[in-house]
Amino acid sequence: MLRGAHDDDLPAMRRWRNHPRVRAASFTTHEIGADEHARWWAAVRADATRRVLIYDHDHVPAGVVAYSDLSPASAGWSFYLDLDGLERSGALLRAWAGLEREAIEHAFGPLGLTVLRGEVLADNAPVRSLHRRFGFAEVAAYRRDVDGVPRDVVAIELRREDT
């Protein structure tokens, strides 16, 4: 289940985002401090083209889904999970697939999108595989600086009619 993120969710969101494996798979790899996180949250709340949702797995907050560049037809998206909590409970794989399913359903349902886009570091084979499993096509590849280091990136896309 997805629900809107609230101020009370911020400490958990920052803890999950700062997990070393989440940072390593992200386009911003440094540890995010409280002030930077608060500025990000204020910017999200003021931007009508962005939405941040919490993924609840088995009624427990377990991840974040972020939509960006929202228009009537399309948006980009990203996500991360509570890796430590989900691994302890043995639910990581189920939650990972559940989050992806919920994010797609939300994009093409309540948000009314026709195209959902994203970007994945090219060496992140597990995430690329999951996206392909849910029907995303890899539509482009390019290099991008990630905290000063050139990295290969794959652009992905899912169209409503392909779900």
Protein backbone atom coordinates (compact mmCIF):
# COMPACT_ATOMS: atom_id res chain seq x y z
CA MET A 1 0.00 0.00 0.00
CA LEU A 2 1.19 3.53 -0.79
CA ARG A 3 0.29 6.56 1.30
CA GLY A 4 1.40 10.16 1.37
CA ALA A 5 4.58 10.85 3.32
CA HIS A 6 4.26 13.01 6.44
CA ASP A 7 6.67 14.95 8.64
CA ASP A 8 6.66 12.04 11.09
CA ASP A 9 8.11 9.80 8.36
CA LEU A 10 11.22 11.95 7.83
CA PRO A 11 13.57 10.27 10.35
CA ALA A 12 12.88 6.80 8.94
CA MET A 13 13.10 8.05 5.35
CA ARG A 14 16.51 9.60 6.00
CA ARG A 15 17.77 6.49 7.82
CA TRP A 16 16.67 4.25 4.93
CA ARG A 17 18.15 6.61 2.32
CA ASN A 18 21.47 6.77 4.18
CA HIS A 19 21.91 3.00 4.22
CA PRO A 20 25.27 2.32 2.52
CA ARG A 21 23.75 0.03 -0.14
CA VAL A 22 21.00 2.54 -0.95
CA ARG A 23 23.56 5.35 -1.26
CA ALA A 24 25.76 3.19 -3.49
CA ALA A 25 22.85 2.66 -5.91
CA SER A 26 21.81 6.34 -5.93
CA PHE A 27 22.77 9.41 -7.92
CA THR A 28 23.75 11.14 -4.65
CA THR A 29 26.06 8.91 -2.64
CA HIS A 30 27.05 11.05 0.33
CA GLU A 31 25.36 10.65 3.70
CA ILE A 32 22.46 13.08 3.91
CA GLY A 33 22.39 15.24 7.04
CA ALA A 34 19.30 16.43 8.87
CA ASP A 35 19.48 19.98 7.45
CA GLU A 36 19.88 18.78 3.86
CA HIS A 37 17.00 16.34 4.34
CA ALA A 38 14.77 19.10 5.76
CA ARG A 39 15.56 21.37 2.78
CA TRP A 40 14.73 18.53 0.38
CA TRP A 41 11.42 17.89 2.16
CA ALA A 42 10.49 21.59 2.07
CA ALA A 43 11.26 21.69 -1.68
CA VAL A 44 9.15 18.57 -2.32
CA ARG A 45 6.19 19.99 -0.43
CA ALA A 46 6.37 23.25 -2.41
CA ASP A 47 6.64 21.57 -5.83
CA ALA A 48 3.40 20.47 -7.51
CA THR A 49 5.40 18.29 -9.94
CA ARG A 50 6.70 16.02 -7.16
CA ARG A 51 5.08 13.44 -4.87
CA VAL A 52 6.70 11.37 -2.15
CA LEU A 53 4.83 8.33 -0.86
CA ILE A 54 5.54 5.75 1.80
CA TYR A 55 5.24 2.07 0.94
CA ASP A 56 3.73 0.04 3.78
CA HIS A 57 4.56 -3.67 3.62
CA ASP A 58 2.40 -5.86 5.85
CA HIS A 59 1.17 -2.63 7.54
CA VAL A 60 4.72 -1.50 8.40
CA PRO A 61 6.45 1.48 6.72
CA ALA A 62 9.11 -0.09 4.54
CA GLY A 63 10.04 2.17 1.64
CA VAL A 64 9.76 5.40 -0.30
CA VAL A 65 8.39 6.03 -3.79
CA ALA A 66 9.18 9.43 -5.30
CA TYR A 67 7.57 10.78 -8.46
CA SER A 68 9.13 13.78 -10.19
CA ASP A 69 8.50 15.93 -13.24
CA LEU A 70 4.79 15.09 -12.98
CA SER A 71 2.74 16.18 -15.96
CA PRO A 72 -0.72 15.07 -17.03
CA ALA A 73 0.88 12.31 -19.13
CA SER A 74 4.21 11.31 -17.62
CA ALA A 75 6.56 11.35 -14.64
CA GLY A 76 9.87 10.02 -13.49
CA TRP A 77 10.11 7.82 -10.45
CA SER A 78 12.58 6.42 -7.98
CA PHE A 79 12.42 4.34 -4.82
CA TYR A 80 14.33 2.93 -1.88
CA LEU A 81 13.55 0.45 0.86
CA ASP A 82 14.23 -0.13 4.55
CA LEU A 83 16.90 -2.72 3.76
CA ASP A 84 17.81 -3.49 7.38
CA GLY A 85 14.24 -3.92 8.60
CA LEU A 86 13.12 -5.96 5.62
CA GLU A 87 16.17 -8.22 5.71
CA ARG A 88 15.64 -8.86 9.45
CA SER A 89 12.04 -9.87 8.79
CA GLY A 90 12.90 -11.95 5.71
CA ALA A 91 10.57 -9.85 3.57
CA LEU A 92 13.00 -7.92 1.36
CA LEU A 93 12.28 -9.66 -1.94
CA ARG A 94 8.48 -9.62 -1.45
CA ALA A 95 8.57 -5.96 -0.40
CA TRP A 96 10.78 -5.00 -3.33
CA ALA A 97 8.35 -6.52 -5.84
CA GLY A 98 5.36 -5.19 -3.90
CA LEU A 99 6.69 -1.65 -3.96
CA GLU A 100 7.31 -1.79 -7.70
CA ARG A 101 3.80 -3.17 -8.33
CA GLU A 102 2.19 -0.49 -6.13
CA ALA A 103 4.23 2.32 -7.72
CA ILE A 104 3.18 1.27 -11.22
CA GLU A 105 -0.48 0.91 -10.22
CA HIS A 106 -0.41 4.34 -8.58
CA ALA A 107 1.24 5.94 -11.62
CA PHE A 108 -1.31 4.58 -14.09
CA GLY A 109 -4.25 4.72 -11.66
CA PRO A 110 -4.55 7.73 -9.33
CA LEU A 111 -1.89 9.80 -11.12
CA GLY A 112 -3.43 9.02 -14.54
CA LEU A 113 -0.08 8.77 -16.33
CA THR A 114 0.48 7.18 -19.71
CA VAL A 115 4.29 6.91 -19.36
CA LEU A 116 6.46 6.22 -16.31
CA ARG A 117 10.19 6.87 -16.64
CA GLY A 118 13.24 6.25 -14.52
CA GLU A 119 17.01 5.95 -14.46
CA VAL A 120 19.16 3.13 -13.12
CA LEU A 121 22.91 2.87 -12.70
CA ALA A 122 23.98 0.44 -15.42
CA ASP A 123 25.86 -1.79 -12.99
CA ASN A 124 22.77 -2.23 -10.77
CA ALA A 125 21.79 -5.56 -12.34
CA PRO A 126 19.19 -6.59 -9.70
CA VAL A 127 17.15 -3.38 -10.13
CA ARG A 128 17.41 -3.51 -13.92
CA SER A 129 16.18 -7.10 -13.83
CA LEU A 130 13.25 -6.22 -11.56
CA HIS A 131 12.22 -3.36 -13.83
CA ARG A 132 12.33 -5.64 -16.88
CA ARG A 133 10.19 -8.18 -15.00
CA PHE A 134 7.53 -5.48 -14.57
CA GLY A 135 7.63 -4.51 -18.24
CA PHE A 136 9.98 -1.53 -18.29
CA ALA A 137 11.98 -1.11 -21.49
CA GLU A 138 15.54 0.17 -21.46
CA VAL A 139 15.29 3.04 -23.90
CA ALA A 140 18.65 4.84 -23.66
CA ALA A 141 22.08 4.71 -22.09
CA TYR A 142 24.41 7.56 -21.23
CA ARG A 143 27.15 8.67 -18.82
CA ARG A 144 26.42 10.94 -15.88
CA ASP A 145 28.54 12.34 -13.07
CA VAL A 146 27.57 10.82 -9.74
CA ASP A 147 29.28 12.83 -7.02
CA GLY A 148 32.12 13.65 -9.40
CA VAL A 149 32.55 10.14 -10.82
CA PRO A 150 31.39 9.33 -14.37
CA ARG A 151 28.88 6.45 -14.25
CA ASP A 152 26.91 4.60 -16.91
CA VAL A 153 23.15 5.07 -16.60
CA VAL A 154 20.23 3.31 -18.28
CA ALA A 155 16.97 5.15 -18.91
CA ILE A 156 13.84 3.04 -18.49
CA GLU A 157 10.25 3.55 -19.57
CA LEU A 158 6.92 1.83 -19.07
CA ARG A 159 3.81 2.73 -21.04
CA ARG A 160 0.34 2.18 -19.65
CA GLU A 161 -0.64 0.05 -22.63
CA ASP A 162 2.28 -2.30 -21.87
CA THR A 163 1.10 -3.14 -18.36
